[in-house]
Amino acid sequence: MDSRIEIRLDKELKEYFIRASKIKGFKNLSEFIIYQLKEASDKIIKEENEILKTIRDKEKFVEALVNPPEPNEALKKAWRDYKTDFDGPQNRIARKTP
């Protein structure tokens, strides 16, 4: 079932909206208004979701810094590999300054 929305606006504004709707090729003012409201609502909701996502990401990042999880086996292996590759005798010699 369709719902109705009633709005009051002055004559000049209504004519302005009618002109815009005709320029864009809408059949009538109602179709134009519905389209524009949907577009504006989609944009607002998208922006809100992005803001909330950003806030949650920041909270998760800070939480990980303040309370870091224990390293898993993959991270421990990566650290051992790094130490082997970059802390070996040849690298210690190359890093010495004259």
N, C-alpha and C. Protein backbone atom coordinates (compact mmCIF):
# COMPACT_ATOMS: atom_id res chain seq x y z
N MET A 1 0.85 -1.17 0.00
CA MET A 1 0.00 0.00 0.00
C MET A 1 0.90 1.24 0.00
N ASP A 2 0.55 2.21 -0.79
CA ASP A 2 1.30 3.45 -0.86
C ASP A 2 0.95 4.35 0.32
N SER A 3 1.92 5.12 0.74
CA SER A 3 1.69 6.10 1.80
C SER A 3 1.71 7.49 1.19
N ARG A 4 1.13 8.41 1.89
CA ARG A 4 1.11 9.80 1.42
C ARG A 4 1.92 10.66 2.37
N ILE A 5 2.53 11.66 1.78
CA ILE A 5 3.20 12.72 2.55
C ILE A 5 2.67 14.03 2.01
N GLU A 6 2.24 14.88 2.89
CA GLU A 6 1.77 16.20 2.47
C GLU A 6 2.77 17.24 2.95
N ILE A 7 3.09 18.16 2.05
CA ILE A 7 3.99 19.26 2.41
C ILE A 7 3.39 20.56 1.93
N ARG A 8 3.73 21.62 2.61
CA ARG A 8 3.29 22.95 2.20
C ARG A 8 4.54 23.74 1.80
N LEU A 9 4.44 24.40 0.67
CA LEU A 9 5.53 25.27 0.24
C LEU A 9 4.95 26.41 -0.57
N ASP A 10 5.73 27.48 -0.65
CA ASP A 10 5.19 28.63 -1.37
C ASP A 10 5.19 28.38 -2.87
N LYS A 11 4.41 29.17 -3.58
CA LYS A 11 4.17 28.97 -5.00
C LYS A 11 5.47 29.03 -5.80
N GLU A 12 6.35 29.99 -5.48
CA GLU A 12 7.60 30.14 -6.22
C GLU A 12 8.49 28.90 -6.09
N LEU A 13 8.54 28.36 -4.89
CA LEU A 13 9.37 27.18 -4.67
C LEU A 13 8.79 25.98 -5.41
N LYS A 14 7.49 25.84 -5.40
CA LYS A 14 6.85 24.75 -6.13
C LYS A 14 7.14 24.87 -7.63
N GLU A 15 7.01 26.07 -8.17
CA GLU A 15 7.30 26.28 -9.59
C GLU A 15 8.77 25.99 -9.90
N TYR A 16 9.63 26.34 -8.99
CA TYR A 16 11.06 26.06 -9.14
C TYR A 16 11.31 24.55 -9.21
N PHE A 17 10.69 23.81 -8.32
CA PHE A 17 10.81 22.35 -8.32
C PHE A 17 10.22 21.75 -9.59
N ILE A 18 9.08 22.26 -10.03
CA ILE A 18 8.45 21.76 -11.25
C ILE A 18 9.39 21.99 -12.44
N ARG A 19 9.99 23.15 -12.50
CA ARG A 19 10.93 23.45 -13.59
C ARG A 19 12.09 22.47 -13.60
N ALA A 20 12.67 22.24 -12.41
CA ALA A 20 13.78 21.30 -12.31
C ALA A 20 13.36 19.89 -12.71
N SER A 21 12.17 19.48 -12.30
CA SER A 21 11.71 18.13 -12.63
C SER A 21 11.51 17.98 -14.13
N LYS A 22 11.01 19.03 -14.79
CA LYS A 22 10.83 18.97 -16.25
C LYS A 22 12.18 18.93 -16.96
N ILE A 23 13.14 19.70 -16.48
CA ILE A 23 14.47 19.70 -17.08
C ILE A 23 15.07 18.29 -17.03
N LYS A 24 14.86 17.62 -15.92
CA LYS A 24 15.42 16.27 -15.75
C LYS A 24 14.53 15.18 -16.38
N GLY A 25 13.37 15.55 -16.88
CA GLY A 25 12.54 14.60 -17.60
C GLY A 25 11.62 13.75 -16.74
N PHE A 26 11.32 14.19 -15.55
CA PHE A 26 10.38 13.44 -14.71
C PHE A 26 8.96 13.68 -15.19
N LYS A 27 8.10 12.67 -15.01
CA LYS A 27 6.71 12.76 -15.46
C LYS A 27 5.92 13.79 -14.66
N ASN A 28 6.23 13.87 -13.38
CA ASN A 28 5.48 14.80 -12.52
C ASN A 28 6.35 15.19 -11.32
N LEU A 29 5.84 16.14 -10.57
CA LEU A 29 6.59 16.66 -9.42
C LEU A 29 6.77 15.60 -8.34
N SER A 30 5.77 14.77 -8.12
CA SER A 30 5.89 13.72 -7.09
C SER A 30 7.03 12.77 -7.40
N GLU A 31 7.14 12.35 -8.67
CA GLU A 31 8.22 11.46 -9.06
C GLU A 31 9.58 12.10 -8.82
N PHE A 32 9.67 13.38 -9.17
CA PHE A 32 10.92 14.14 -8.96
C PHE A 32 11.27 14.22 -7.48
N ILE A 33 10.29 14.56 -6.66
CA ILE A 33 10.54 14.71 -5.22
C ILE A 33 10.95 13.37 -4.60
N ILE A 34 10.27 12.31 -4.98
CA ILE A 34 10.61 10.98 -4.44
C ILE A 34 12.04 10.61 -4.83
N TYR A 35 12.39 10.84 -6.09
CA TYR A 35 13.75 10.52 -6.56
C TYR A 35 14.79 11.32 -5.78
N GLN A 36 14.56 12.62 -5.65
CA GLN A 36 15.53 13.48 -4.96
C GLN A 36 15.65 13.13 -3.48
N LEU A 37 14.54 12.83 -2.83
CA LEU A 37 14.59 12.44 -1.42
C LEU A 37 15.35 11.12 -1.25
N LYS A 38 15.12 10.18 -2.16
CA LYS A 38 15.83 8.89 -2.08
C LYS A 38 17.33 9.10 -2.26
N GLU A 39 17.72 9.90 -3.25
CA GLU A 39 19.14 10.18 -3.49
C GLU A 39 19.78 10.84 -2.26
N ALA A 40 19.11 11.84 -1.72
CA ALA A 40 19.65 12.54 -0.55
C ALA A 40 19.72 11.61 0.66
N SER A 41 18.71 10.79 0.85
CA SER A 41 18.70 9.85 1.97
C SER A 41 19.81 8.82 1.84
N ASP A 42 20.02 8.29 0.63
CA ASP A 42 21.10 7.34 0.41
C ASP A 42 22.46 7.95 0.76
N LYS A 43 22.67 9.19 0.35
CA LYS A 43 23.93 9.88 0.63
C LYS A 43 24.13 10.07 2.14
N ILE A 44 23.10 10.50 2.82
CA ILE A 44 23.18 10.73 4.27
C ILE A 44 23.50 9.43 5.00
N ILE A 45 22.80 8.36 4.64
CA ILE A 45 23.01 7.07 5.31
C ILE A 45 24.41 6.53 5.01
N LYS A 46 24.86 6.68 3.76
CA LYS A 46 26.20 6.22 3.40
C LYS A 46 27.26 6.97 4.21
N GLU A 47 27.12 8.29 4.30
CA GLU A 47 28.07 9.08 5.08
C GLU A 47 28.06 8.68 6.56
N GLU A 48 26.88 8.44 7.09
CA GLU A 48 26.76 8.03 8.50
C GLU A 48 27.45 6.70 8.72
N ASN A 49 27.23 5.76 7.81
CA ASN A 49 27.88 4.45 7.94
C ASN A 49 29.39 4.57 7.86
N GLU A 50 29.89 5.44 6.98
CA GLU A 50 31.34 5.63 6.86
C GLU A 50 31.91 6.25 8.13
N ILE A 51 31.20 7.19 8.70
CA ILE A 51 31.66 7.83 9.94
C ILE A 51 31.69 6.80 11.06
N LEU A 52 30.63 6.03 11.20
CA LEU A 52 30.59 5.02 12.26
C LEU A 52 31.68 3.98 12.05
N LYS A 53 31.90 3.58 10.81
CA LYS A 53 32.94 2.60 10.53
C LYS A 53 34.31 3.18 10.92
N THR A 54 34.54 4.43 10.60
CA THR A 54 35.80 5.06 10.93
C THR A 54 35.99 5.14 12.44
N ILE A 55 34.95 5.49 13.15
CA ILE A 55 35.03 5.58 14.61
C ILE A 55 35.32 4.19 15.19
N ARG A 56 34.61 3.17 14.72
CA ARG A 56 34.84 1.80 15.22
C ARG A 56 36.26 1.34 14.89
N ASP A 57 36.74 1.67 13.69
CA ASP A 57 38.11 1.29 13.33
C ASP A 57 39.12 1.94 14.26
N LYS A 58 38.92 3.21 14.57
CA LYS A 58 39.83 3.91 15.47
C LYS A 58 39.79 3.29 16.87
N GLU A 59 38.59 2.97 17.33
CA GLU A 59 38.46 2.35 18.65
C GLU A 59 39.16 1.00 18.69
N LYS A 60 38.99 0.19 17.63
CA LYS A 60 39.66 -1.11 17.57
C LYS A 60 41.18 -0.94 17.54
N PHE A 61 41.66 0.03 16.78
CA PHE A 61 43.09 0.27 16.68
C PHE A 61 43.67 0.66 18.03
N VAL A 62 43.03 1.60 18.71
CA VAL A 62 43.51 2.03 20.02
C VAL A 62 43.45 0.88 21.01
N GLU A 63 42.39 0.10 20.96
CA GLU A 63 42.27 -1.05 21.86
C GLU A 63 43.41 -2.04 21.62
N ALA A 64 43.76 -2.26 20.36
CA ALA A 64 44.86 -3.18 20.05
C ALA A 64 46.20 -2.63 20.54
N LEU A 65 46.36 -1.31 20.53
CA LEU A 65 47.59 -0.71 21.05
C LEU A 65 47.66 -0.81 22.57
N VAL A 66 46.54 -0.52 23.20
CA VAL A 66 46.49 -0.52 24.67
C VAL A 66 46.52 -1.94 25.22
N ASN A 67 45.80 -2.84 24.60
CA ASN A 67 45.72 -4.23 25.05
C ASN A 67 46.04 -5.15 23.87
N PRO A 68 47.30 -5.24 23.49
CA PRO A 68 47.62 -6.06 22.31
C PRO A 68 47.36 -7.54 22.59
N PRO A 69 46.91 -8.25 21.57
CA PRO A 69 46.70 -9.69 21.74
C PRO A 69 48.05 -10.41 21.79
N GLU A 70 48.05 -11.61 22.32
CA GLU A 70 49.27 -12.42 22.31
C GLU A 70 49.62 -12.77 20.87
N PRO A 71 50.91 -12.79 20.53
CA PRO A 71 51.27 -13.14 19.15
C PRO A 71 50.90 -14.59 18.85
N ASN A 72 50.36 -14.80 17.65
CA ASN A 72 50.03 -16.17 17.25
C ASN A 72 51.27 -16.83 16.64
N GLU A 73 51.13 -18.09 16.27
CA GLU A 73 52.29 -18.84 15.76
C GLU A 73 52.85 -18.23 14.47
N ALA A 74 51.97 -17.75 13.60
CA ALA A 74 52.43 -17.15 12.34
C ALA A 74 53.30 -15.92 12.62
N LEU A 75 52.89 -15.10 13.58
CA LEU A 75 53.68 -13.91 13.92
C LEU A 75 55.01 -14.31 14.56
N LYS A 76 54.98 -15.30 15.43
CA LYS A 76 56.22 -15.76 16.07
C LYS A 76 57.19 -16.30 15.01
N LYS A 77 56.67 -17.05 14.03
CA LYS A 77 57.52 -17.58 12.96
C LYS A 77 58.09 -16.44 12.13
N ALA A 78 57.25 -15.45 11.80
CA ALA A 78 57.71 -14.30 11.02
C ALA A 78 58.83 -13.57 11.75
N TRP A 79 58.72 -13.44 13.08
CA TRP A 79 59.76 -12.78 13.87
C TRP A 79 61.06 -13.59 13.84
N ARG A 80 60.93 -14.90 13.99
CA ARG A 80 62.13 -15.75 13.94
C ARG A 80 62.80 -15.64 12.56
N ASP A 81 62.01 -15.69 11.50
CA ASP A 81 62.56 -15.55 10.14
C ASP A 81 63.24 -14.21 9.96
N TYR A 82 62.62 -13.17 10.46
CA TYR A 82 63.22 -11.84 10.36
C TYR A 82 64.56 -11.79 11.09
N LYS A 83 64.56 -12.31 12.30
CA LYS A 83 65.80 -12.30 13.09
C LYS A 83 66.90 -13.08 12.36
N THR A 84 66.53 -14.21 11.75
CA THR A 84 67.52 -15.02 11.02
C THR A 84 68.02 -14.26 9.80
N ASP A 85 67.13 -13.66 9.05
CA ASP A 85 67.51 -12.98 7.81
C ASP A 85 68.25 -11.67 8.05
N PHE A 86 67.87 -10.91 9.06
CA PHE A 86 68.42 -9.57 9.22
C PHE A 86 69.33 -9.38 10.42
N ASP A 87 69.43 -10.37 11.26
CA ASP A 87 70.34 -10.27 12.41
C ASP A 87 71.45 -11.29 12.33
N GLY A 88 71.64 -11.87 11.15
CA GLY A 88 72.72 -12.85 10.97
C GLY A 88 74.08 -12.14 10.97
N PRO A 89 75.18 -12.91 11.04
CA PRO A 89 76.52 -12.33 11.13
C PRO A 89 76.84 -11.40 9.96
N GLN A 90 76.43 -11.74 8.74
CA GLN A 90 76.76 -10.90 7.60
C GLN A 90 76.09 -9.53 7.71
N ASN A 91 74.92 -9.48 8.28
CA ASN A 91 74.23 -8.21 8.40
C ASN A 91 74.82 -7.37 9.53
N ARG A 92 75.30 -8.02 10.56
CA ARG A 92 75.93 -7.25 11.64
C ARG A 92 77.20 -6.58 11.14
N ILE A 93 77.94 -7.27 10.31
CA ILE A 93 79.18 -6.71 9.76
C ILE A 93 78.85 -5.54 8.83
N ALA A 94 77.85 -5.72 7.97
CA ALA A 94 77.48 -4.67 7.01
C ALA A 94 76.98 -3.41 7.71
N ARG A 95 76.43 -3.56 8.91
CA ARG A 95 75.88 -2.40 9.61
C ARG A 95 76.92 -1.64 10.40
N LYS A 96 78.11 -2.22 10.59
CA LYS A 96 79.14 -1.51 11.36
C LYS A 96 79.59 -0.27 10.59
N THR A 97 79.77 0.80 11.28
CA THR A 97 80.25 2.02 10.64
C THR A 97 81.76 2.12 10.78
N PRO A 98 82.42 2.69 9.77
CA PRO A 98 83.89 2.79 9.82
C PRO A 98 84.38 3.75 10.87
